Amino acid sequence: MSSIYSKNFKTLSGVTVVPSNYVWVQNKNNTFSIRPGVIVLGKVESAFSNFVLKANKPNKKTSYVEDVCALPQRTKNEIINHFFDKKGKRNKNTVAYLVRTDKAANQLALQNLAKSQKGKGVKP
């Protein structure tokens, strides 16, 4: 088992679920990279919802990190709410990213996201 997701570590209590537009940013040459200041622990895809996979660049080979059972109940509920709407039907989200909630790092990333989407009509 992975030491990052072990139940003995308290880093799991600080994990939150975010969509892909929070994690990835498009560069000038139209390639995607992880947003600076965001600490991504893994991703959960709707096709493999019981596995936490490593968050690699798009179209790259992913690897197994941990089982979702090792996550706290709050994080599991956030994953369910990310993939399903209030009526219990699937929505268009296919990937949920697990991000550490370091206040300084994630506040900077949220500010950058708000600046990049200011004129697009999308709320962060």
N, C-alpha and C. Protein backbone atom coordinates (compact mmCIF):
# COMPACT_ATOMS: atom_id res chain seq x y z
N MET A 1 0.83 -1.18 0.00
CA MET A 1 0.00 0.00 0.00
C MET A 1 0.87 1.24 0.00
N SER A 2 0.32 2.28 -0.53
CA SER A 2 1.03 3.54 -0.61
C SER A 2 1.10 4.21 0.76
N SER A 3 2.25 4.79 1.07
CA SER A 3 2.41 5.45 2.36
C SER A 3 1.67 6.79 2.39
N ILE A 4 1.42 7.39 1.24
CA ILE A 4 0.72 8.67 1.20
C ILE A 4 -0.70 8.52 1.71
N TYR A 5 -1.37 7.44 1.34
CA TYR A 5 -2.78 7.26 1.66
C TYR A 5 -3.01 6.35 2.86
N SER A 6 -1.97 6.00 3.59
CA SER A 6 -2.12 5.14 4.75
C SER A 6 -2.99 5.82 5.80
N LYS A 7 -3.79 5.05 6.51
CA LYS A 7 -4.69 5.61 7.51
C LYS A 7 -3.93 6.19 8.70
N ASN A 8 -2.66 5.86 8.84
CA ASN A 8 -1.87 6.38 9.94
C ASN A 8 -1.42 7.82 9.71
N PHE A 9 -1.45 8.29 8.46
CA PHE A 9 -1.00 9.64 8.15
C PHE A 9 -2.18 10.60 8.21
N LYS A 10 -1.93 11.82 8.68
CA LYS A 10 -2.99 12.81 8.79
C LYS A 10 -3.14 13.65 7.53
N THR A 11 -2.35 13.38 6.49
CA THR A 11 -2.47 14.16 5.26
C THR A 11 -3.78 13.87 4.55
N LEU A 12 -4.40 12.74 4.81
CA LEU A 12 -5.67 12.43 4.17
C LEU A 12 -6.79 13.33 4.63
N SER A 13 -6.69 13.85 5.85
CA SER A 13 -7.76 14.72 6.35
C SER A 13 -7.77 16.05 5.63
N GLY A 14 -6.68 16.42 4.99
CA GLY A 14 -6.61 17.68 4.28
C GLY A 14 -6.81 17.57 2.79
N VAL A 15 -7.35 16.45 2.31
CA VAL A 15 -7.53 16.24 0.87
C VAL A 15 -8.93 16.69 0.49
N THR A 16 -9.04 17.40 -0.63
CA THR A 16 -10.34 17.81 -1.15
C THR A 16 -10.44 17.42 -2.62
N VAL A 17 -11.66 17.37 -3.12
CA VAL A 17 -11.93 16.96 -4.50
C VAL A 17 -12.20 18.21 -5.33
N VAL A 18 -11.50 18.34 -6.46
CA VAL A 18 -11.67 19.50 -7.34
C VAL A 18 -11.82 19.03 -8.78
N PRO A 19 -12.43 19.85 -9.65
CA PRO A 19 -12.55 19.49 -11.07
C PRO A 19 -11.24 19.73 -11.81
N SER A 20 -11.22 19.31 -13.06
CA SER A 20 -9.98 19.37 -13.84
C SER A 20 -9.59 20.80 -14.21
N ASN A 21 -10.55 21.71 -14.36
CA ASN A 21 -10.18 23.07 -14.74
C ASN A 21 -9.45 23.80 -13.62
N TYR A 22 -9.54 23.31 -12.40
CA TYR A 22 -8.78 23.87 -11.28
C TYR A 22 -7.33 23.40 -11.30
N VAL A 23 -7.09 22.19 -11.80
CA VAL A 23 -5.76 21.58 -11.74
C VAL A 23 -4.91 21.93 -12.95
N TRP A 24 -5.48 21.87 -14.15
CA TRP A 24 -4.69 22.02 -15.37
C TRP A 24 -4.77 23.44 -15.89
N VAL A 25 -3.67 23.94 -16.43
CA VAL A 25 -3.60 25.24 -17.07
C VAL A 25 -2.96 25.06 -18.44
N GLN A 26 -3.47 25.81 -19.44
CA GLN A 26 -2.96 25.69 -20.80
C GLN A 26 -1.82 26.69 -21.00
N ASN A 27 -0.70 26.19 -21.51
CA ASN A 27 0.46 27.02 -21.75
C ASN A 27 0.33 27.78 -23.07
N LYS A 28 1.33 28.59 -23.38
CA LYS A 28 1.31 29.38 -24.61
C LYS A 28 1.36 28.51 -25.86
N ASN A 29 2.02 27.36 -25.78
CA ASN A 29 2.13 26.47 -26.93
C ASN A 29 1.04 25.40 -26.93
N ASN A 30 -0.10 25.69 -26.28
CA ASN A 30 -1.29 24.83 -26.25
C ASN A 30 -1.06 23.45 -25.64
N THR A 31 -0.13 23.35 -24.72
CA THR A 31 0.04 22.12 -23.95
C THR A 31 -0.46 22.39 -22.53
N PHE A 32 -0.82 21.32 -21.85
CA PHE A 32 -1.37 21.45 -20.50
C PHE A 32 -0.33 21.05 -19.47
N SER A 33 -0.33 21.77 -18.34
CA SER A 33 0.53 21.42 -17.22
C SER A 33 -0.23 21.68 -15.93
N ILE A 34 0.26 21.11 -14.86
CA ILE A 34 -0.41 21.28 -13.57
C ILE A 34 -0.17 22.71 -13.09
N ARG A 35 -1.22 23.31 -12.58
CA ARG A 35 -1.19 24.71 -12.13
C ARG A 35 -0.14 24.86 -11.02
N PRO A 36 0.68 25.90 -11.08
CA PRO A 36 1.69 26.12 -10.03
C PRO A 36 1.02 26.36 -8.68
N GLY A 37 1.56 25.76 -7.65
CA GLY A 37 1.03 25.92 -6.31
C GLY A 37 0.00 24.89 -5.91
N VAL A 38 -0.43 24.03 -6.84
CA VAL A 38 -1.42 23.00 -6.52
C VAL A 38 -0.69 21.69 -6.28
N ILE A 39 -0.99 21.04 -5.17
CA ILE A 39 -0.37 19.77 -4.84
C ILE A 39 -1.39 18.67 -5.10
N VAL A 40 -1.22 17.94 -6.20
CA VAL A 40 -2.16 16.90 -6.61
C VAL A 40 -1.66 15.56 -6.09
N LEU A 41 -2.52 14.88 -5.32
CA LEU A 41 -2.15 13.56 -4.81
C LEU A 41 -2.58 12.44 -5.74
N GLY A 42 -3.61 12.67 -6.54
CA GLY A 42 -4.07 11.66 -7.48
C GLY A 42 -5.37 12.07 -8.12
N LYS A 43 -5.91 11.18 -8.94
CA LYS A 43 -7.19 11.45 -9.59
C LYS A 43 -8.07 10.21 -9.53
N VAL A 44 -9.37 10.44 -9.59
CA VAL A 44 -10.36 9.36 -9.62
C VAL A 44 -11.16 9.54 -10.90
N GLU A 45 -11.13 8.55 -11.78
CA GLU A 45 -11.89 8.61 -13.02
C GLU A 45 -13.22 7.91 -12.83
N SER A 46 -14.23 8.34 -13.58
CA SER A 46 -15.54 7.72 -13.44
C SER A 46 -15.54 6.28 -13.95
N ALA A 47 -14.65 5.94 -14.88
CA ALA A 47 -14.55 4.58 -15.37
C ALA A 47 -13.94 3.64 -14.33
N PHE A 48 -13.02 4.16 -13.50
CA PHE A 48 -12.37 3.38 -12.45
C PHE A 48 -12.59 4.09 -11.12
N SER A 49 -13.81 4.14 -10.67
CA SER A 49 -14.14 4.97 -9.51
C SER A 49 -13.66 4.39 -8.19
N ASN A 50 -13.16 3.16 -8.16
CA ASN A 50 -12.67 2.60 -6.91
C ASN A 50 -11.15 2.65 -6.80
N PHE A 51 -10.46 3.31 -7.75
CA PHE A 51 -9.01 3.43 -7.72
C PHE A 51 -8.61 4.90 -7.72
N VAL A 52 -7.55 5.21 -6.99
CA VAL A 52 -6.91 6.52 -7.09
C VAL A 52 -5.70 6.33 -8.00
N LEU A 53 -5.66 7.08 -9.10
CA LEU A 53 -4.60 6.95 -10.08
C LEU A 53 -3.69 8.16 -10.01
N LYS A 54 -2.47 7.99 -10.51
CA LYS A 54 -1.51 9.09 -10.54
C LYS A 54 -1.94 10.09 -11.61
N ALA A 55 -1.86 11.38 -11.30
CA ALA A 55 -2.26 12.43 -12.23
C ALA A 55 -1.09 12.77 -13.14
N ASN A 56 -1.09 12.22 -14.34
CA ASN A 56 -0.05 12.49 -15.33
C ASN A 56 -0.58 13.48 -16.35
N LYS A 57 0.27 13.85 -17.28
CA LYS A 57 -0.17 14.70 -18.37
C LYS A 57 -1.20 13.93 -19.21
N PRO A 58 -2.06 14.65 -19.93
CA PRO A 58 -3.07 13.98 -20.76
C PRO A 58 -2.43 13.04 -21.77
N ASN A 59 -3.09 11.93 -22.03
CA ASN A 59 -2.68 10.89 -22.99
C ASN A 59 -1.38 10.20 -22.59
N LYS A 60 -1.03 10.21 -21.32
CA LYS A 60 0.13 9.48 -20.82
C LYS A 60 -0.36 8.30 -20.00
N LYS A 61 0.51 7.34 -19.79
CA LYS A 61 0.16 6.14 -19.03
C LYS A 61 0.03 6.47 -17.55
N THR A 62 -1.07 6.03 -16.94
CA THR A 62 -1.29 6.28 -15.52
C THR A 62 -0.89 5.06 -14.71
N SER A 63 -0.69 5.27 -13.42
CA SER A 63 -0.33 4.17 -12.55
C SER A 63 -1.23 4.18 -11.32
N TYR A 64 -1.35 3.04 -10.70
CA TYR A 64 -2.19 2.86 -9.52
C TYR A 64 -1.52 3.47 -8.30
N VAL A 65 -2.29 4.23 -7.52
CA VAL A 65 -1.75 4.82 -6.30
C VAL A 65 -2.34 4.13 -5.08
N GLU A 66 -3.68 4.10 -4.98
CA GLU A 66 -4.33 3.55 -3.79
C GLU A 66 -5.78 3.25 -4.09
N ASP A 67 -6.40 2.51 -3.18
CA ASP A 67 -7.81 2.22 -3.26
C ASP A 67 -8.59 3.35 -2.59
N VAL A 68 -9.79 3.63 -3.07
CA VAL A 68 -10.61 4.70 -2.52
C VAL A 68 -11.04 4.39 -1.09
N CYS A 69 -11.05 3.12 -0.71
CA CYS A 69 -11.44 2.74 0.66
C CYS A 69 -10.53 3.35 1.71
N ALA A 70 -9.29 3.69 1.36
CA ALA A 70 -8.36 4.26 2.33
C ALA A 70 -8.63 5.74 2.59
N LEU A 71 -9.47 6.36 1.76
CA LEU A 71 -9.78 7.78 1.94
C LEU A 71 -10.79 7.98 3.05
N PRO A 72 -10.82 9.15 3.69
CA PRO A 72 -11.82 9.41 4.73
C PRO A 72 -13.23 9.51 4.13
N GLN A 73 -14.23 9.36 4.96
CA GLN A 73 -15.62 9.36 4.51
C GLN A 73 -16.00 10.70 3.87
N ARG A 74 -15.50 11.80 4.38
CA ARG A 74 -15.80 13.11 3.82
C ARG A 74 -15.33 13.20 2.37
N THR A 75 -14.14 12.69 2.09
CA THR A 75 -13.60 12.73 0.74
C THR A 75 -14.38 11.81 -0.19
N LYS A 76 -14.81 10.66 0.30
CA LYS A 76 -15.64 9.76 -0.51
C LYS A 76 -16.95 10.43 -0.88
N ASN A 77 -17.56 11.14 0.07
CA ASN A 77 -18.81 11.85 -0.22
C ASN A 77 -18.60 12.96 -1.24
N GLU A 78 -17.46 13.65 -1.18
CA GLU A 78 -17.14 14.68 -2.16
C GLU A 78 -16.99 14.07 -3.55
N ILE A 79 -16.40 12.88 -3.65
CA ILE A 79 -16.25 12.21 -4.94
C ILE A 79 -17.62 11.86 -5.51
N ILE A 80 -18.52 11.35 -4.68
CA ILE A 80 -19.87 11.00 -5.13
C ILE A 80 -20.60 12.26 -5.60
N ASN A 81 -20.50 13.34 -4.83
CA ASN A 81 -21.16 14.59 -5.21
C ASN A 81 -20.57 15.19 -6.49
N HIS A 82 -19.29 14.89 -6.76
CA HIS A 82 -18.65 15.39 -7.97
C HIS A 82 -19.18 14.68 -9.22
N PHE A 83 -19.46 13.39 -9.12
CA PHE A 83 -19.89 12.60 -10.27
C PHE A 83 -21.40 12.54 -10.45
N PHE A 84 -22.18 12.86 -9.43
CA PHE A 84 -23.63 12.75 -9.51
C PHE A 84 -24.27 14.07 -9.11
N ASP A 85 -25.45 14.36 -9.71
CA ASP A 85 -26.17 15.58 -9.32
C ASP A 85 -27.09 15.28 -8.14
N LYS A 86 -27.91 16.27 -7.75
CA LYS A 86 -28.75 16.12 -6.56
C LYS A 86 -29.84 15.07 -6.73
N LYS A 87 -30.22 14.78 -7.98
CA LYS A 87 -31.25 13.78 -8.24
C LYS A 87 -30.69 12.36 -8.30
N GLY A 88 -29.39 12.24 -8.21
CA GLY A 88 -28.76 10.92 -8.25
C GLY A 88 -28.40 10.45 -9.64
N LYS A 89 -28.43 11.34 -10.62
CA LYS A 89 -28.08 10.99 -12.00
C LYS A 89 -26.67 11.47 -12.30
N ARG A 90 -26.01 10.75 -13.22
CA ARG A 90 -24.64 11.09 -13.59
C ARG A 90 -24.61 12.44 -14.29
N ASN A 91 -23.55 13.20 -14.04
CA ASN A 91 -23.35 14.45 -14.75
C ASN A 91 -22.20 14.30 -15.73
N LYS A 92 -21.75 15.40 -16.32
CA LYS A 92 -20.73 15.33 -17.37
C LYS A 92 -19.31 15.18 -16.84
N ASN A 93 -19.10 15.30 -15.53
CA ASN A 93 -17.75 15.19 -14.97
C ASN A 93 -17.25 13.75 -15.09
N THR A 94 -16.03 13.60 -15.59
CA THR A 94 -15.45 12.26 -15.74
C THR A 94 -14.22 12.05 -14.86
N VAL A 95 -13.59 13.13 -14.38
CA VAL A 95 -12.39 13.01 -13.57
C VAL A 95 -12.50 13.93 -12.36
N ALA A 96 -12.13 13.40 -11.19
CA ALA A 96 -12.04 14.19 -9.97
C ALA A 96 -10.61 14.12 -9.47
N TYR A 97 -10.03 15.26 -9.14
CA TYR A 97 -8.65 15.30 -8.67
C TYR A 97 -8.62 15.49 -7.16
N LEU A 98 -7.72 14.80 -6.50
CA LEU A 98 -7.53 14.91 -5.06
C LEU A 98 -6.36 15.87 -4.82
N VAL A 99 -6.66 16.98 -4.15
CA VAL A 99 -5.69 18.06 -3.96
C VAL A 99 -5.52 18.30 -2.48
N ARG A 100 -4.27 18.50 -2.06
CA ARG A 100 -4.02 18.88 -0.66
C ARG A 100 -4.46 20.30 -0.45
N THR A 101 -5.00 20.57 0.71
CA THR A 101 -5.55 21.90 0.98
C THR A 101 -4.59 22.71 1.85
N ASP A 102 -3.40 22.98 1.33
CA ASP A 102 -2.51 23.93 1.98
C ASP A 102 -3.04 25.31 1.68
N LYS A 103 -3.32 26.08 2.71
CA LYS A 103 -4.01 27.35 2.51
C LYS A 103 -3.25 28.30 1.59
N ALA A 104 -1.97 28.48 1.81
CA ALA A 104 -1.22 29.45 1.03
C ALA A 104 -1.13 29.03 -0.44
N ALA A 105 -0.84 27.75 -0.69
CA ALA A 105 -0.67 27.27 -2.05
C ALA A 105 -2.00 27.30 -2.82
N ASN A 106 -3.06 26.84 -2.19
CA ASN A 106 -4.33 26.77 -2.90
C ASN A 106 -5.00 28.13 -3.04
N GLN A 107 -4.77 29.06 -2.13
CA GLN A 107 -5.31 30.40 -2.31
C GLN A 107 -4.68 31.08 -3.51
N LEU A 108 -3.38 30.88 -3.69
CA LEU A 108 -2.71 31.43 -4.85
C LEU A 108 -3.27 30.82 -6.13
N ALA A 109 -3.50 29.52 -6.13
CA ALA A 109 -4.04 28.86 -7.32
C ALA A 109 -5.47 29.32 -7.60
N LEU A 110 -6.28 29.53 -6.57
CA LEU A 110 -7.65 30.03 -6.76
C LEU A 110 -7.64 31.44 -7.32
N GLN A 111 -6.72 32.28 -6.87
CA GLN A 111 -6.63 33.63 -7.41
C GLN A 111 -6.24 33.60 -8.88
N ASN A 112 -5.29 32.73 -9.24
CA ASN A 112 -4.89 32.61 -10.64
C ASN A 112 -6.03 32.10 -11.50
N LEU A 113 -6.82 31.15 -10.97
CA LEU A 113 -7.96 30.61 -11.71
C LEU A 113 -9.02 31.69 -11.91
N ALA A 114 -9.28 32.50 -10.89
CA ALA A 114 -10.27 33.56 -11.00
C ALA A 114 -9.83 34.61 -12.03
N LYS A 115 -8.54 34.92 -12.07
CA LYS A 115 -8.04 35.88 -13.05
C LYS A 115 -8.16 35.34 -14.47
N SER A 116 -7.87 34.06 -14.65
CA SER A 116 -7.90 33.48 -15.99
C SER A 116 -9.32 33.32 -16.52
N GLN A 117 -10.32 33.18 -15.63
CA GLN A 117 -11.69 32.97 -16.07
C GLN A 117 -12.57 34.19 -15.82
N LYS A 118 -11.98 35.33 -15.60
CA LYS A 118 -12.74 36.52 -15.23
C LYS A 118 -13.74 36.92 -16.31
N GLY A 119 -13.35 36.96 -17.54
CA GLY A 119 -14.23 37.40 -18.62
C GLY A 119 -14.97 36.29 -19.32
N LYS A 120 -14.83 35.05 -18.87
CA LYS A 120 -15.43 33.91 -19.55
C LYS A 120 -16.79 33.52 -19.00
N GLY A 121 -17.22 34.11 -17.91
CA GLY A 121 -18.52 33.79 -17.35
C GLY A 121 -18.54 32.50 -16.56
N VAL A 122 -17.38 31.97 -16.20
CA VAL A 122 -17.30 30.72 -15.44
C VAL A 122 -16.85 31.04 -14.03
N LYS A 123 -17.58 30.52 -13.05
CA LYS A 123 -17.20 30.75 -11.66
C LYS A 123 -16.21 29.69 -11.22
N PRO A 124 -15.17 30.05 -10.47
CA PRO A 124 -14.19 29.06 -9.99
C PRO A 124 -14.78 28.18 -8.91
